[in-house]
Amino acid sequence: AIGTGPLTLALGAKLDHTSDQPVTLQPTIAHNWKDDWTYVGSASLNTGDGAITLGSSVVVVTVAGNTLEVGGAISDNGNAYKLVKAGNGTLALGADSYWTGGIQLDAGLLQLKTANGLGSGVFTISGSASMDNLSGADMTLGGISSVMLPTSGTITYLGTSHSLDFGIADVNQSGQGTKVLN
């Protein structure tokens, strides 16, 4: 059990949920993502609505399997910290977020449920990965200043239910990466 105090994940931490059903953390607790950590992903987990604070200039969250859904807002207290999504699993961002150092998508699937879920800064897609809009409506991203597409590999927009527009962000690519839009 997680308990009622803040959940702090430090360098090298591994978190997992091993029942056969998806779970949402209860009660709502704060999260401190101090450094790089891994969601093992034996089953899907929703972090609940608790606020998440990034605690390092770059925080790499590796989602090894299934889905890690972040229900609360992510912040960096104005420190321009960057969030990197790695691993073949799914990271679902479900709340408007306020970190300012940008986001990097290295692998797996990134699901968005709100237009401001990526915080602000540069959205870098650096490897073969997929994205989807699960907001229930067409979405224009807010907050991001530019989008950097991969120099190699494939970026796929799944388009499960609605469109996703990068809005006013500049879109840049150096190299021959492949884009697949559904």
N, C-alpha and C. Protein backbone atom coordinates (compact mmCIF):
# COMPACT_ATOMS: atom_id res chain seq x y z
N ALA A 1 0.84 -1.18 0.00
CA ALA A 1 0.00 0.00 0.00
C ALA A 1 0.88 1.24 0.00
N ILE A 2 0.42 2.30 -0.64
CA ILE A 2 1.18 3.53 -0.76
C ILE A 2 1.11 4.35 0.53
N GLY A 3 -0.05 4.40 1.18
CA GLY A 3 -0.21 5.18 2.40
C GLY A 3 -0.82 6.54 2.11
N THR A 4 -0.73 7.45 3.07
CA THR A 4 -1.40 8.75 2.95
C THR A 4 -0.45 9.92 2.78
N GLY A 5 0.84 9.71 2.95
CA GLY A 5 1.81 10.79 2.78
C GLY A 5 2.20 10.92 1.33
N PRO A 6 3.09 11.86 1.01
CA PRO A 6 3.54 12.02 -0.38
C PRO A 6 4.27 10.77 -0.87
N LEU A 7 4.13 10.50 -2.16
CA LEU A 7 4.85 9.41 -2.81
C LEU A 7 6.07 10.03 -3.47
N THR A 8 7.27 9.67 -2.98
CA THR A 8 8.51 10.22 -3.52
C THR A 8 9.23 9.14 -4.29
N LEU A 9 9.53 9.44 -5.56
CA LEU A 9 10.24 8.51 -6.43
C LEU A 9 11.60 9.12 -6.77
N ALA A 10 12.66 8.48 -6.30
CA ALA A 10 14.02 8.98 -6.49
C ALA A 10 14.72 8.18 -7.58
N LEU A 11 15.95 8.54 -7.88
CA LEU A 11 16.74 7.92 -8.93
C LEU A 11 16.73 6.40 -8.81
N GLY A 12 16.32 5.73 -9.89
CA GLY A 12 16.33 4.28 -9.94
C GLY A 12 15.12 3.60 -9.32
N ALA A 13 14.17 4.37 -8.78
CA ALA A 13 12.99 3.77 -8.15
C ALA A 13 12.18 3.00 -9.19
N LYS A 14 11.52 1.94 -8.71
CA LYS A 14 10.60 1.16 -9.54
C LYS A 14 9.27 1.06 -8.81
N LEU A 15 8.21 1.35 -9.55
CA LEU A 15 6.85 1.29 -9.02
C LEU A 15 6.08 0.30 -9.86
N ASP A 16 5.24 -0.51 -9.25
CA ASP A 16 4.44 -1.47 -10.00
C ASP A 16 3.10 -1.67 -9.30
N HIS A 17 2.19 -2.21 -10.06
CA HIS A 17 0.86 -2.58 -9.58
C HIS A 17 0.60 -3.96 -10.16
N THR A 18 0.37 -4.96 -9.31
CA THR A 18 0.38 -6.34 -9.77
C THR A 18 -0.96 -7.06 -9.73
N SER A 19 -2.05 -6.36 -9.38
CA SER A 19 -3.33 -7.06 -9.45
C SER A 19 -3.75 -7.17 -10.91
N ASP A 20 -4.81 -7.89 -11.16
CA ASP A 20 -5.23 -8.09 -12.55
C ASP A 20 -6.20 -7.01 -13.04
N GLN A 21 -6.44 -5.98 -12.25
CA GLN A 21 -7.36 -4.90 -12.61
C GLN A 21 -6.65 -3.55 -12.52
N PRO A 22 -7.01 -2.60 -13.40
CA PRO A 22 -6.48 -1.23 -13.26
C PRO A 22 -6.89 -0.63 -11.91
N VAL A 23 -6.03 0.21 -11.35
CA VAL A 23 -6.29 0.81 -10.04
C VAL A 23 -5.98 2.30 -10.10
N THR A 24 -6.76 3.10 -9.33
CA THR A 24 -6.48 4.51 -9.13
C THR A 24 -6.07 4.70 -7.67
N LEU A 25 -4.95 5.38 -7.45
CA LEU A 25 -4.48 5.60 -6.08
C LEU A 25 -5.51 6.40 -5.29
N GLN A 26 -5.83 5.94 -4.09
CA GLN A 26 -6.73 6.61 -3.17
C GLN A 26 -6.10 6.54 -1.79
N PRO A 27 -6.18 7.52 -0.94
CA PRO A 27 -6.72 8.85 -1.19
C PRO A 27 -5.77 9.65 -2.08
N THR A 28 -6.21 10.84 -2.46
CA THR A 28 -5.38 11.72 -3.27
C THR A 28 -4.14 12.11 -2.47
N ILE A 29 -2.96 11.84 -3.04
CA ILE A 29 -1.71 12.19 -2.38
C ILE A 29 -0.80 12.92 -3.36
N ALA A 30 0.09 13.73 -2.83
CA ALA A 30 1.08 14.43 -3.65
C ALA A 30 2.16 13.45 -4.08
N HIS A 31 2.80 13.75 -5.21
CA HIS A 31 3.88 12.92 -5.74
C HIS A 31 5.10 13.82 -5.95
N ASN A 32 6.26 13.33 -5.59
CA ASN A 32 7.52 14.01 -5.86
C ASN A 32 8.35 13.11 -6.76
N TRP A 33 8.47 13.50 -8.02
CA TRP A 33 9.30 12.74 -8.96
C TRP A 33 10.67 13.40 -8.95
N LYS A 34 11.53 12.92 -8.04
CA LYS A 34 12.83 13.54 -7.79
C LYS A 34 13.83 13.34 -8.92
N ASP A 35 13.74 12.20 -9.61
CA ASP A 35 14.72 11.89 -10.65
C ASP A 35 14.16 10.76 -11.50
N ASP A 36 15.00 10.11 -12.31
CA ASP A 36 14.58 9.07 -13.23
C ASP A 36 14.03 7.86 -12.47
N TRP A 37 12.87 7.35 -12.93
CA TRP A 37 12.27 6.18 -12.30
C TRP A 37 11.48 5.39 -13.33
N THR A 38 11.06 4.17 -12.95
CA THR A 38 10.38 3.26 -13.87
C THR A 38 9.05 2.80 -13.30
N TYR A 39 8.01 2.86 -14.16
CA TYR A 39 6.76 2.17 -13.86
C TYR A 39 6.86 0.82 -14.56
N VAL A 40 6.95 -0.26 -13.79
CA VAL A 40 7.15 -1.60 -14.33
C VAL A 40 5.96 -2.01 -15.20
N GLY A 41 4.75 -1.73 -14.74
CA GLY A 41 3.56 -1.91 -15.57
C GLY A 41 3.04 -3.32 -15.69
N SER A 42 3.02 -4.09 -14.60
CA SER A 42 2.38 -5.40 -14.65
C SER A 42 0.89 -5.26 -14.92
N ALA A 43 0.29 -4.15 -14.49
CA ALA A 43 -1.11 -3.79 -14.78
C ALA A 43 -1.16 -2.26 -14.82
N SER A 44 -2.25 -1.72 -15.35
CA SER A 44 -2.38 -0.26 -15.48
C SER A 44 -2.64 0.40 -14.13
N LEU A 45 -2.11 1.63 -13.98
CA LEU A 45 -2.22 2.38 -12.73
C LEU A 45 -2.53 3.84 -13.04
N ASN A 46 -3.49 4.41 -12.31
CA ASN A 46 -3.79 5.84 -12.37
C ASN A 46 -3.25 6.44 -11.07
N THR A 47 -2.45 7.48 -11.20
CA THR A 47 -1.84 8.10 -10.01
C THR A 47 -2.85 8.87 -9.16
N GLY A 48 -4.07 9.05 -9.65
CA GLY A 48 -5.06 9.83 -8.93
C GLY A 48 -4.88 11.31 -9.22
N ASP A 49 -5.61 12.14 -8.50
CA ASP A 49 -5.63 13.57 -8.76
C ASP A 49 -4.56 14.36 -8.01
N GLY A 50 -3.68 13.70 -7.31
CA GLY A 50 -2.65 14.39 -6.54
C GLY A 50 -1.67 15.13 -7.43
N ALA A 51 -1.25 16.29 -6.97
CA ALA A 51 -0.28 17.11 -7.70
C ALA A 51 1.07 16.41 -7.74
N ILE A 52 1.79 16.59 -8.87
CA ILE A 52 3.10 15.99 -9.06
C ILE A 52 4.12 17.10 -9.23
N THR A 53 5.23 17.01 -8.50
CA THR A 53 6.29 18.00 -8.61
C THR A 53 7.56 17.32 -9.13
N LEU A 54 8.10 17.87 -10.24
CA LEU A 54 9.37 17.38 -10.77
C LEU A 54 10.49 17.94 -9.90
N GLY A 55 11.52 17.11 -9.64
CA GLY A 55 12.56 17.54 -8.73
C GLY A 55 13.97 17.52 -9.29
N SER A 56 14.11 17.44 -10.61
CA SER A 56 15.42 17.41 -11.22
C SER A 56 15.33 18.08 -12.58
N SER A 57 16.45 18.57 -13.11
CA SER A 57 16.42 19.30 -14.38
C SER A 57 15.87 18.46 -15.52
N VAL A 58 16.08 17.14 -15.48
CA VAL A 58 15.49 16.21 -16.44
C VAL A 58 15.00 15.00 -15.64
N VAL A 59 13.73 14.69 -15.76
CA VAL A 59 13.16 13.52 -15.10
C VAL A 59 12.69 12.56 -16.20
N VAL A 60 13.32 11.38 -16.24
CA VAL A 60 12.95 10.35 -17.22
C VAL A 60 12.02 9.36 -16.53
N VAL A 61 10.80 9.26 -17.06
CA VAL A 61 9.84 8.28 -16.58
C VAL A 61 9.77 7.18 -17.63
N THR A 62 10.23 5.99 -17.26
CA THR A 62 10.18 4.84 -18.15
C THR A 62 8.94 4.03 -17.82
N VAL A 63 8.02 3.95 -18.77
CA VAL A 63 6.82 3.14 -18.60
C VAL A 63 7.09 1.85 -19.38
N ALA A 64 7.44 0.79 -18.65
CA ALA A 64 7.89 -0.44 -19.29
C ALA A 64 6.74 -1.24 -19.90
N GLY A 65 5.54 -1.14 -19.33
CA GLY A 65 4.40 -1.89 -19.84
C GLY A 65 3.10 -1.29 -19.38
N ASN A 66 2.00 -1.70 -20.01
CA ASN A 66 0.66 -1.22 -19.71
C ASN A 66 0.60 0.30 -19.70
N THR A 67 -0.27 0.88 -18.85
CA THR A 67 -0.51 2.32 -18.86
C THR A 67 -0.29 2.91 -17.48
N LEU A 68 0.46 4.01 -17.45
CA LEU A 68 0.57 4.85 -16.27
C LEU A 68 -0.20 6.12 -16.59
N GLU A 69 -1.35 6.30 -15.94
CA GLU A 69 -2.17 7.48 -16.17
C GLU A 69 -1.93 8.48 -15.05
N VAL A 70 -1.55 9.69 -15.42
CA VAL A 70 -1.28 10.75 -14.46
C VAL A 70 -2.53 11.62 -14.39
N GLY A 71 -3.24 11.54 -13.27
CA GLY A 71 -4.49 12.27 -13.12
C GLY A 71 -4.33 13.68 -12.59
N GLY A 72 -3.20 13.96 -11.94
CA GLY A 72 -2.98 15.28 -11.36
C GLY A 72 -2.09 16.15 -12.21
N ALA A 73 -2.07 17.44 -11.87
CA ALA A 73 -1.23 18.40 -12.58
C ALA A 73 0.23 18.18 -12.24
N ILE A 74 1.10 18.36 -13.25
CA ILE A 74 2.54 18.25 -13.06
C ILE A 74 3.13 19.66 -13.06
N SER A 75 4.02 19.93 -12.10
CA SER A 75 4.64 21.24 -11.97
C SER A 75 6.13 21.06 -11.70
N ASP A 76 6.88 22.13 -11.95
CA ASP A 76 8.31 22.14 -11.61
C ASP A 76 8.65 23.37 -10.77
N ASN A 77 7.64 24.02 -10.22
CA ASN A 77 7.82 25.23 -9.42
C ASN A 77 8.61 26.31 -10.15
N GLY A 78 8.42 26.38 -11.48
CA GLY A 78 9.07 27.41 -12.27
C GLY A 78 10.53 27.18 -12.58
N ASN A 79 11.04 25.97 -12.39
CA ASN A 79 12.46 25.68 -12.55
C ASN A 79 12.87 25.23 -13.95
N ALA A 80 11.96 25.20 -14.91
CA ALA A 80 12.25 24.80 -16.30
C ALA A 80 12.79 23.38 -16.38
N TYR A 81 12.20 22.46 -15.62
CA TYR A 81 12.58 21.06 -15.66
C TYR A 81 11.88 20.37 -16.83
N LYS A 82 12.56 19.38 -17.39
CA LYS A 82 12.07 18.65 -18.55
C LYS A 82 11.58 17.27 -18.12
N LEU A 83 10.50 16.81 -18.75
CA LEU A 83 9.98 15.46 -18.53
C LEU A 83 10.24 14.64 -19.79
N VAL A 84 10.83 13.45 -19.62
CA VAL A 84 11.10 12.55 -20.73
C VAL A 84 10.30 11.27 -20.51
N LYS A 85 9.53 10.88 -21.54
CA LYS A 85 8.79 9.62 -21.50
C LYS A 85 9.57 8.58 -22.29
N ALA A 86 10.00 7.51 -21.62
CA ALA A 86 10.73 6.41 -22.25
C ALA A 86 9.95 5.12 -22.03
N GLY A 87 10.37 4.05 -22.68
CA GLY A 87 9.76 2.74 -22.50
C GLY A 87 8.61 2.50 -23.46
N ASN A 88 8.27 1.22 -23.67
CA ASN A 88 7.25 0.84 -24.64
C ASN A 88 5.82 0.94 -24.14
N GLY A 89 5.62 1.21 -22.86
CA GLY A 89 4.27 1.35 -22.32
C GLY A 89 3.65 2.69 -22.67
N THR A 90 2.49 2.96 -22.05
CA THR A 90 1.70 4.16 -22.33
C THR A 90 1.73 5.11 -21.14
N LEU A 91 2.00 6.39 -21.41
CA LEU A 91 1.87 7.45 -20.42
C LEU A 91 0.68 8.29 -20.84
N ALA A 92 -0.34 8.37 -19.98
CA ALA A 92 -1.53 9.16 -20.26
C ALA A 92 -1.53 10.38 -19.33
N LEU A 93 -1.57 11.57 -19.92
CA LEU A 93 -1.57 12.82 -19.14
C LEU A 93 -2.99 13.36 -19.12
N GLY A 94 -3.57 13.45 -17.91
CA GLY A 94 -4.98 13.74 -17.80
C GLY A 94 -5.34 15.10 -17.22
N ALA A 95 -4.37 15.94 -16.91
CA ALA A 95 -4.69 17.23 -16.30
C ALA A 95 -3.83 18.32 -16.92
N ASP A 96 -4.32 19.56 -16.88
CA ASP A 96 -3.50 20.70 -17.28
C ASP A 96 -2.27 20.71 -16.38
N SER A 97 -1.10 20.94 -16.97
CA SER A 97 0.14 20.87 -16.21
C SER A 97 0.97 22.12 -16.41
N TYR A 98 1.90 22.34 -15.48
CA TYR A 98 2.57 23.64 -15.40
C TYR A 98 4.09 23.55 -15.32
N TRP A 99 4.68 22.44 -15.76
CA TRP A 99 6.13 22.43 -15.81
C TRP A 99 6.56 23.17 -17.06
N THR A 100 7.76 23.72 -17.05
CA THR A 100 8.13 24.70 -18.07
C THR A 100 9.33 24.31 -18.93
N GLY A 101 9.92 23.15 -18.71
CA GLY A 101 11.12 22.76 -19.45
C GLY A 101 10.89 21.90 -20.66
N GLY A 102 9.64 21.65 -21.02
CA GLY A 102 9.34 20.86 -22.20
C GLY A 102 9.20 19.38 -21.89
N ILE A 103 8.84 18.65 -22.93
CA ILE A 103 8.66 17.21 -22.82
C ILE A 103 9.34 16.54 -24.00
N GLN A 104 9.88 15.36 -23.74
CA GLN A 104 10.52 14.57 -24.79
C GLN A 104 9.89 13.20 -24.81
N LEU A 105 9.46 12.76 -25.99
CA LEU A 105 8.86 11.44 -26.19
C LEU A 105 9.88 10.57 -26.91
N ASP A 106 10.41 9.57 -26.19
CA ASP A 106 11.44 8.70 -26.76
C ASP A 106 10.87 7.40 -27.32
N ALA A 107 9.80 6.87 -26.73
CA ALA A 107 9.27 5.58 -27.15
C ALA A 107 7.88 5.38 -26.57
N GLY A 108 7.18 4.37 -27.08
CA GLY A 108 5.88 4.00 -26.55
C GLY A 108 4.79 4.95 -27.01
N LEU A 109 3.73 5.03 -26.21
CA LEU A 109 2.54 5.81 -26.54
C LEU A 109 2.33 6.92 -25.51
N LEU A 110 2.05 8.12 -26.01
CA LEU A 110 1.69 9.26 -25.17
C LEU A 110 0.25 9.62 -25.47
N GLN A 111 -0.61 9.52 -24.46
CA GLN A 111 -2.02 9.86 -24.61
C GLN A 111 -2.29 11.19 -23.90
N LEU A 112 -3.03 12.06 -24.58
CA LEU A 112 -3.37 13.36 -24.01
C LEU A 112 -4.86 13.44 -23.78
N LYS A 113 -5.23 13.97 -22.61
CA LYS A 113 -6.65 14.14 -22.28
C LYS A 113 -7.02 15.60 -22.12
N THR A 114 -6.03 16.50 -22.25
CA THR A 114 -6.27 17.93 -22.12
C THR A 114 -5.24 18.69 -22.96
N ALA A 115 -5.64 19.83 -23.50
CA ALA A 115 -4.79 20.61 -24.40
C ALA A 115 -3.54 21.15 -23.72
N ASN A 116 -3.57 21.31 -22.41
CA ASN A 116 -2.42 21.85 -21.68
C ASN A 116 -1.70 20.78 -20.86
N GLY A 117 -1.85 19.54 -21.25
CA GLY A 117 -1.26 18.42 -20.52
C GLY A 117 0.24 18.30 -20.69
N LEU A 118 0.82 18.97 -21.70
CA LEU A 118 2.26 18.85 -21.96
C LEU A 118 3.08 19.93 -21.29
N GLY A 119 2.48 20.70 -20.40
CA GLY A 119 3.22 21.80 -19.79
C GLY A 119 3.57 22.83 -20.86
N SER A 120 4.73 23.49 -20.70
CA SER A 120 5.16 24.46 -21.71
C SER A 120 6.62 24.21 -22.05
N GLY A 121 7.02 24.74 -23.20
CA GLY A 121 8.38 24.54 -23.68
C GLY A 121 8.36 23.77 -24.98
N VAL A 122 9.47 23.14 -25.30
CA VAL A 122 9.62 22.40 -26.56
C VAL A 122 9.12 20.96 -26.37
N PHE A 123 8.33 20.49 -27.34
CA PHE A 123 7.89 19.10 -27.39
C PHE A 123 8.80 18.39 -28.38
N THR A 124 9.68 17.53 -27.88
CA THR A 124 10.65 16.82 -28.71
C THR A 124 10.24 15.36 -28.85
N ILE A 125 10.14 14.91 -30.08
CA ILE A 125 9.87 13.50 -30.34
C ILE A 125 11.17 12.95 -30.92
N SER A 126 11.85 12.09 -30.17
CA SER A 126 13.21 11.74 -30.55
C SER A 126 13.38 10.30 -31.02
N GLY A 127 12.35 9.53 -31.01
CA GLY A 127 12.47 8.15 -31.45
C GLY A 127 11.18 7.68 -32.07
N SER A 128 11.05 6.39 -32.27
CA SER A 128 9.81 5.84 -32.80
C SER A 128 8.80 5.78 -31.66
N ALA A 129 7.68 6.47 -31.85
CA ALA A 129 6.69 6.58 -30.79
C ALA A 129 5.32 6.89 -31.39
N SER A 130 4.30 6.83 -30.54
CA SER A 130 2.93 7.12 -30.98
C SER A 130 2.29 8.11 -30.02
N MET A 131 1.29 8.84 -30.55
CA MET A 131 0.52 9.79 -29.76
C MET A 131 -0.96 9.58 -30.03
N ASP A 132 -1.80 10.02 -29.09
CA ASP A 132 -3.24 9.97 -29.31
C ASP A 132 -3.92 11.03 -28.45
N ASN A 133 -5.08 11.47 -28.92
CA ASN A 133 -5.93 12.43 -28.23
C ASN A 133 -7.11 11.66 -27.66
N LEU A 134 -7.21 11.59 -26.34
CA LEU A 134 -8.32 10.91 -25.68
C LEU A 134 -9.22 11.88 -24.93
N SER A 135 -9.22 13.15 -25.35
CA SER A 135 -9.97 14.17 -24.63
C SER A 135 -11.48 14.07 -24.85
N GLY A 136 -11.89 13.41 -25.91
CA GLY A 136 -13.31 13.35 -26.24
C GLY A 136 -13.73 14.41 -27.24
N ALA A 137 -12.78 15.22 -27.69
CA ALA A 137 -13.07 16.29 -28.67
C ALA A 137 -11.79 16.60 -29.45
N ASP A 138 -11.93 17.31 -30.56
CA ASP A 138 -10.75 17.79 -31.26
C ASP A 138 -9.95 18.67 -30.31
N MET A 139 -8.62 18.64 -30.43
CA MET A 139 -7.78 19.35 -29.47
C MET A 139 -6.69 20.14 -30.18
N THR A 140 -6.49 21.39 -29.75
CA THR A 140 -5.36 22.20 -30.16
C THR A 140 -4.46 22.38 -28.94
N LEU A 141 -3.21 21.93 -29.06
CA LEU A 141 -2.29 21.99 -27.92
C LEU A 141 -1.99 23.43 -27.52
N GLY A 142 -1.90 23.66 -26.24
CA GLY A 142 -1.50 24.96 -25.70
C GLY A 142 -0.22 24.78 -24.92
N GLY A 143 0.53 25.86 -24.76
CA GLY A 143 1.72 25.82 -23.90
C GLY A 143 3.01 25.50 -24.62
N ILE A 144 3.00 24.58 -25.56
CA ILE A 144 4.26 24.22 -26.21
C ILE A 144 4.66 25.29 -27.21
N SER A 145 5.96 25.58 -27.26
CA SER A 145 6.46 26.64 -28.14
C SER A 145 6.89 26.12 -29.50
N SER A 146 7.36 24.88 -29.54
CA SER A 146 7.76 24.27 -30.80
C SER A 146 7.72 22.76 -30.66
N VAL A 147 7.69 22.10 -31.83
CA VAL A 147 7.69 20.65 -31.89
C VAL A 147 8.88 20.22 -32.72
N MET A 148 9.71 19.35 -32.16
CA MET A 148 10.87 18.81 -32.86
C MET A 148 10.55 17.36 -33.21
N LEU A 149 10.48 17.05 -34.51
CA LEU A 149 10.17 15.70 -34.96
C LEU A 149 11.43 14.88 -35.09
N PRO A 150 11.30 13.54 -35.06
CA PRO A 150 12.50 12.69 -35.05
C PRO A 150 13.29 12.79 -36.34
N THR A 151 14.62 12.67 -36.19
CA THR A 151 15.49 12.64 -37.37
C THR A 151 15.47 11.27 -38.02
N SER A 152 15.06 10.26 -37.28
CA SER A 152 14.89 8.92 -37.81
C SER A 152 13.79 8.26 -37.00
N GLY A 153 13.34 7.11 -37.42
CA GLY A 153 12.26 6.44 -36.72
C GLY A 153 10.92 6.92 -37.23
N THR A 154 9.86 6.48 -36.56
CA THR A 154 8.50 6.76 -37.00
C THR A 154 7.69 7.35 -35.86
N ILE A 155 7.00 8.43 -36.12
CA ILE A 155 6.03 8.98 -35.18
C ILE A 155 4.64 8.73 -35.76
N THR A 156 3.77 8.12 -34.97
CA THR A 156 2.43 7.75 -35.42
C THR A 156 1.40 8.47 -34.58
N TYR A 157 0.46 9.15 -35.25
CA TYR A 157 -0.70 9.70 -34.54
C TYR A 157 -1.83 8.72 -34.75
N LEU A 158 -2.33 8.13 -33.67
CA LEU A 158 -3.33 7.08 -33.78
C LEU A 158 -4.69 7.60 -34.20
N GLY A 159 -5.07 8.80 -33.74
CA GLY A 159 -6.35 9.37 -34.13
C GLY A 159 -7.54 8.51 -33.73
N THR A 160 -7.48 7.93 -32.52
CA THR A 160 -8.51 7.01 -32.06
C THR A 160 -9.90 7.64 -32.11
N SER A 161 -10.02 8.87 -31.65
CA SER A 161 -11.36 9.46 -31.61
C SER A 161 -11.43 10.87 -32.18
N HIS A 162 -10.38 11.66 -32.05
CA HIS A 162 -10.45 13.06 -32.47
C HIS A 162 -9.09 13.55 -32.96
N SER A 163 -9.11 14.72 -33.59
CA SER A 163 -7.87 15.27 -34.15
C SER A 163 -7.03 15.93 -33.07
N LEU A 164 -5.76 16.14 -33.41
CA LEU A 164 -4.81 16.82 -32.54
C LEU A 164 -4.07 17.84 -33.39
N ASP A 165 -4.11 19.10 -32.98
CA ASP A 165 -3.49 20.20 -33.71
C ASP A 165 -2.38 20.76 -32.83
N PHE A 166 -1.18 20.97 -33.41
CA PHE A 166 -0.07 21.53 -32.66
C PHE A 166 -0.25 23.02 -32.39
N GLY A 167 -1.29 23.64 -32.92
CA GLY A 167 -1.56 25.04 -32.64
C GLY A 167 -0.52 25.95 -33.25
N ILE A 168 -0.09 26.96 -32.48
CA ILE A 168 0.84 27.96 -33.00
C ILE A 168 2.29 27.55 -32.90
N ALA A 169 2.55 26.35 -32.39
CA ALA A 169 3.93 25.89 -32.23
C ALA A 169 4.59 25.68 -33.59
N ASP A 170 5.87 26.07 -33.69
CA ASP A 170 6.66 25.77 -34.88
C ASP A 170 6.94 24.28 -34.90
N VAL A 171 6.84 23.66 -36.08
CA VAL A 171 7.14 22.24 -36.23
C VAL A 171 8.41 22.11 -37.06
N ASN A 172 9.42 21.43 -36.50
CA ASN A 172 10.73 21.31 -37.14
C ASN A 172 11.15 19.86 -37.23
N GLN A 173 11.85 19.54 -38.33
CA GLN A 173 12.42 18.21 -38.48
C GLN A 173 13.75 18.32 -39.21
N SER A 174 14.75 17.65 -38.68
CA SER A 174 16.02 17.55 -39.39
C SER A 174 16.25 16.07 -39.65
N GLY A 175 16.21 15.66 -40.88
CA GLY A 175 16.39 14.26 -41.21
C GLY A 175 15.17 13.67 -41.89
N GLN A 176 15.13 12.35 -41.96
CA GLN A 176 14.13 11.66 -42.76
C GLN A 176 13.15 10.83 -41.97
N GLY A 177 12.84 11.19 -40.74
CA GLY A 177 11.88 10.42 -39.95
C GLY A 177 10.54 10.31 -40.68
N THR A 178 9.75 9.31 -40.30
CA THR A 178 8.46 9.05 -40.95
C THR A 178 7.33 9.45 -40.02
N LYS A 179 6.33 10.11 -40.57
CA LYS A 179 5.12 10.48 -39.83
C LYS A 179 3.96 9.65 -40.37
N VAL A 180 3.18 9.03 -39.49
CA VAL A 180 2.01 8.27 -39.88
C VAL A 180 0.81 8.90 -39.18
N LEU A 181 -0.13 9.41 -39.96
CA LEU A 181 -1.32 10.06 -39.40
C LEU A 181 -2.55 9.25 -39.76
N ASN A 182 -3.35 8.95 -38.78
CA ASN A 182 -4.60 8.20 -39.03
C ASN A 182 -5.78 9.12 -38.96
